[in-house]
């Protein structure tokens, strides 16, 4: 397990030594991926699978990078219409390869002491995986171009119970293959 707090430089060799990476960004903003987009791009170009979850990952200009648009498959305008949209629960999307049949799962905002979930617009063949209380996408799945992504614009740490978390991870790893 890599801890960016202890070692802020993520070596490319660490990513390429794995085929699946799970990354929670916690309360890191703005642009928690900013310094790592090149490494993540190379990892995905090499056939990797990425589960990425966090709040405010897209905050400010971070959501408009080429990596976010072309690799995470998120179109995000950065407006207040999409930014910091607290939701009490996320809702699995019927037919999604990861979240079909999940239903509503509450988010526990006391875990990170914040509620900065974002609404997203999937692009480039990505499909909505979860929606917020207003039925707007806040997570997606993508499979294509030789890699797979599960992106959640809400913190996995706040997602339901331990059993809910284990179920989502199991479904994600099944999707990754």
Protein backbone atom coordinates (compact mmCIF):
# COMPACT_ATOMS: atom_id res chain seq x y z
CA UNK A 1 0.00 0.00 0.00
CA UNK A 2 1.33 3.41 -0.96
CA UNK A 3 0.76 6.32 1.43
CA UNK A 4 1.16 9.67 -0.33
CA UNK A 5 1.39 11.41 3.05
CA UNK A 6 4.65 9.56 3.72
CA UNK A 7 6.03 9.69 0.17
CA UNK A 8 4.42 12.32 -2.08
CA UNK A 9 6.13 11.09 -5.27
CA UNK A 10 4.33 8.12 -6.75
CA UNK A 11 6.90 6.13 -8.73
CA UNK A 12 5.70 4.88 -12.10
CA UNK A 13 7.25 1.52 -11.24
CA UNK A 14 4.84 1.17 -8.33
CA UNK A 15 1.81 1.64 -10.56
CA UNK A 16 3.10 -0.61 -13.34
CA UNK A 17 3.83 -3.37 -10.81
CA UNK A 18 0.04 -3.64 -10.33
CA UNK A 19 -2.87 -4.23 -12.65
CA UNK A 20 -5.51 -2.74 -10.34
CA UNK A 21 -5.23 0.40 -8.24
CA UNK A 22 -7.69 1.67 -5.62
CA UNK A 23 -7.25 5.32 -4.70
CA UNK A 24 -9.23 7.32 -2.11
CA UNK A 25 -8.36 11.00 -2.03
CA UNK A 26 -9.97 11.81 1.33
CA UNK A 27 -10.17 15.53 2.11
CA UNK A 28 -7.45 16.52 -0.34
CA UNK A 29 -8.30 19.48 -2.57
CA UNK A 30 -7.98 21.24 -4.88
CA UNK A 31 -6.60 18.95 -7.56
CA UNK A 32 -5.51 15.91 -5.53
CA UNK A 33 -4.60 14.16 -8.80
CA UNK A 34 -2.81 17.11 -10.36
CA UNK A 35 0.71 15.90 -9.78
CA UNK A 36 -0.10 12.28 -10.67
CA UNK A 37 -2.08 12.53 -13.90
CA UNK A 38 0.91 11.58 -16.06
CA UNK A 39 1.62 8.47 -14.01
CA UNK A 40 -2.06 7.47 -13.97
CA UNK A 41 -2.32 8.02 -17.74
CA UNK A 42 0.69 5.74 -18.31
CA UNK A 43 -0.79 3.16 -15.92
CA UNK A 44 -4.11 3.11 -17.80
CA UNK A 45 -2.38 3.13 -21.20
CA UNK A 46 -0.58 0.00 -20.01
CA UNK A 47 -3.93 -1.78 -19.46
CA UNK A 48 -4.45 -0.95 -15.78
CA UNK A 49 -7.75 -0.71 -13.93
CA UNK A 50 -8.41 2.20 -11.58
CA UNK A 51 -10.98 2.69 -8.81
CA UNK A 52 -10.87 6.37 -7.83
CA UNK A 53 -13.05 7.92 -5.17
CA UNK A 54 -13.16 11.19 -3.28
CA UNK A 55 -14.81 14.48 -2.69
CA UNK A 56 -13.65 17.61 -4.47
CA UNK A 57 -11.44 15.65 -6.89
CA UNK A 58 -12.84 17.90 -9.62
CA UNK A 59 -12.80 21.15 -7.62
CA UNK A 60 -11.83 24.34 -9.41
CA UNK A 61 -9.94 23.68 -12.68
CA UNK A 62 -9.01 20.10 -11.67
CA UNK A 63 -12.14 18.74 -13.33
CA UNK A 64 -11.30 20.26 -16.70
CA UNK A 65 -7.97 18.55 -17.40
CA UNK A 66 -7.39 16.36 -20.42
CA UNK A 67 -6.80 13.40 -18.08
CA UNK A 68 -10.18 13.84 -16.37
CA UNK A 69 -12.00 14.20 -19.68
CA UNK A 70 -10.19 11.53 -21.72
CA UNK A 71 -9.18 8.93 -19.10
CA UNK A 72 -11.72 9.26 -16.28
CA UNK A 73 -14.35 10.03 -18.94
CA UNK A 74 -15.87 12.91 -17.00
CA UNK A 75 -17.24 16.06 -18.54
CA UNK A 76 -17.34 18.63 -15.78
CA UNK A 77 -18.03 22.31 -16.20
CA UNK A 78 -16.92 23.40 -12.73
CA UNK A 79 -20.05 25.44 -12.21
CA UNK A 80 -22.00 25.53 -8.99
CA UNK A 81 -24.59 23.42 -10.82
CA UNK A 82 -22.20 20.44 -10.47
CA UNK A 83 -19.83 21.39 -7.65
CA UNK A 84 -20.30 20.49 -3.97
CA UNK A 85 -23.72 18.86 -4.22
CA UNK A 86 -24.20 17.11 -0.91
CA UNK A 87 -26.29 13.97 -1.13
CA UNK A 88 -27.63 11.80 1.66
CA UNK A 89 -27.40 8.58 -0.37
CA UNK A 90 -26.04 7.27 -3.62
CA UNK A 91 -28.24 5.06 -5.78
CA UNK A 92 -27.03 2.17 -7.94
CA UNK A 93 -27.95 2.41 -11.63
CA UNK A 94 -29.95 -0.39 -13.21
CA UNK A 95 -27.92 -2.12 -15.91
CA UNK A 96 -24.55 -0.77 -14.76
CA UNK A 97 -21.97 -3.61 -14.66
CA UNK A 98 -20.90 -2.67 -11.12
CA UNK A 99 -23.92 -1.14 -9.37
CA UNK A 100 -26.94 -2.90 -10.89
CA UNK A 101 -29.18 -4.03 -8.02
CA UNK A 102 -27.42 -2.10 -5.26
CA UNK A 103 -30.25 0.35 -4.50
CA UNK A 104 -29.76 3.33 -2.18
CA UNK A 105 -26.69 3.43 0.08
CA UNK A 106 -26.39 6.24 2.66
CA UNK A 107 -23.29 8.41 2.90
CA UNK A 108 -21.97 9.10 6.40
CA UNK A 109 -20.70 12.67 6.25
CA UNK A 110 -19.29 12.45 9.77
CA UNK A 111 -16.45 10.24 8.49
CA UNK A 112 -14.61 13.06 6.68
CA UNK A 113 -16.56 15.86 8.38
CA UNK A 114 -17.61 17.29 5.02
CA UNK A 115 -20.11 16.77 2.21
CA UNK A 116 -18.53 17.94 -1.03
CA UNK A 117 -19.83 15.39 -3.51
CA UNK A 118 -19.92 16.44 -7.16
CA UNK A 119 -22.29 15.74 -10.01
CA UNK A 120 -20.64 14.48 -13.17
CA UNK A 121 -21.47 13.89 -16.80
CA UNK A 122 -20.03 10.61 -18.15
CA UNK A 123 -18.53 10.85 -21.65
CA UNK A 124 -16.75 8.70 -24.24
CA UNK A 125 -18.64 5.48 -23.57
CA UNK A 126 -18.67 5.76 -19.77
CA UNK A 127 -21.96 5.02 -18.04
CA UNK A 128 -23.43 6.36 -14.81
CA UNK A 129 -22.80 3.99 -11.91
CA UNK A 130 -24.42 5.92 -9.04
CA UNK A 131 -26.76 8.87 -8.89
CA UNK A 132 -27.31 11.38 -6.10
CA UNK A 133 -30.58 12.24 -4.34
CA UNK A 134 -31.63 14.30 -7.38
CA UNK A 135 -30.99 11.42 -9.83
CA UNK A 136 -27.87 13.13 -11.24
CA UNK A 137 -24.77 10.99 -11.92
CA UNK A 138 -22.03 11.15 -9.31
CA UNK A 139 -20.10 8.01 -10.29
CA UNK A 140 -19.32 6.13 -13.50
CA UNK A 141 -17.78 3.05 -15.01
CA UNK A 142 -15.73 2.89 -18.18
CA UNK A 143 -14.37 -0.08 -20.11
CA UNK A 144 -12.51 0.46 -23.35
CA UNK A 145 -9.24 1.66 -24.87
CA UNK A 146 -7.51 -1.24 -23.07
CA UNK A 147 -8.31 -0.11 -19.50
CA UNK A 148 -11.15 0.12 -16.99
CA UNK A 149 -12.18 2.88 -14.58
CA UNK A 150 -14.64 3.17 -11.72
CA UNK A 151 -14.82 6.82 -10.69
CA UNK A 152 -16.88 8.07 -7.74
CA UNK A 153 -17.19 11.80 -7.04
CA UNK A 154 -18.06 10.97 -3.44
CA UNK A 155 -15.85 9.53 -0.69
CA UNK A 156 -15.77 5.73 -0.52
CA UNK A 157 -14.90 6.14 3.16
CA UNK A 158 -18.42 7.52 3.74
CA UNK A 159 -20.19 4.84 1.66
CA UNK A 160 -22.63 2.78 3.73
CA UNK A 161 -21.59 0.02 6.10
CA UNK A 162 -18.50 -2.17 6.07
CA UNK A 163 -20.60 -4.78 4.29
CA UNK A 164 -21.66 -2.22 1.65
CA UNK A 165 -18.02 -1.26 1.09
CA UNK A 166 -16.95 -4.90 0.76
CA UNK A 167 -19.77 -5.56 -1.72
CA UNK A 168 -18.82 -2.56 -3.88
CA UNK A 169 -15.13 -3.55 -3.90
CA UNK A 170 -16.04 -7.13 -4.81
CA UNK A 171 -18.23 -5.91 -7.67
CA UNK A 172 -15.49 -3.53 -8.82
CA UNK A 173 -12.81 -6.24 -8.88
CA UNK A 174 -15.20 -8.53 -10.79
CA UNK A 175 -15.70 -5.74 -13.32
CA UNK A 176 -11.92 -5.31 -13.59
CA UNK A 177 -11.60 -9.05 -14.34
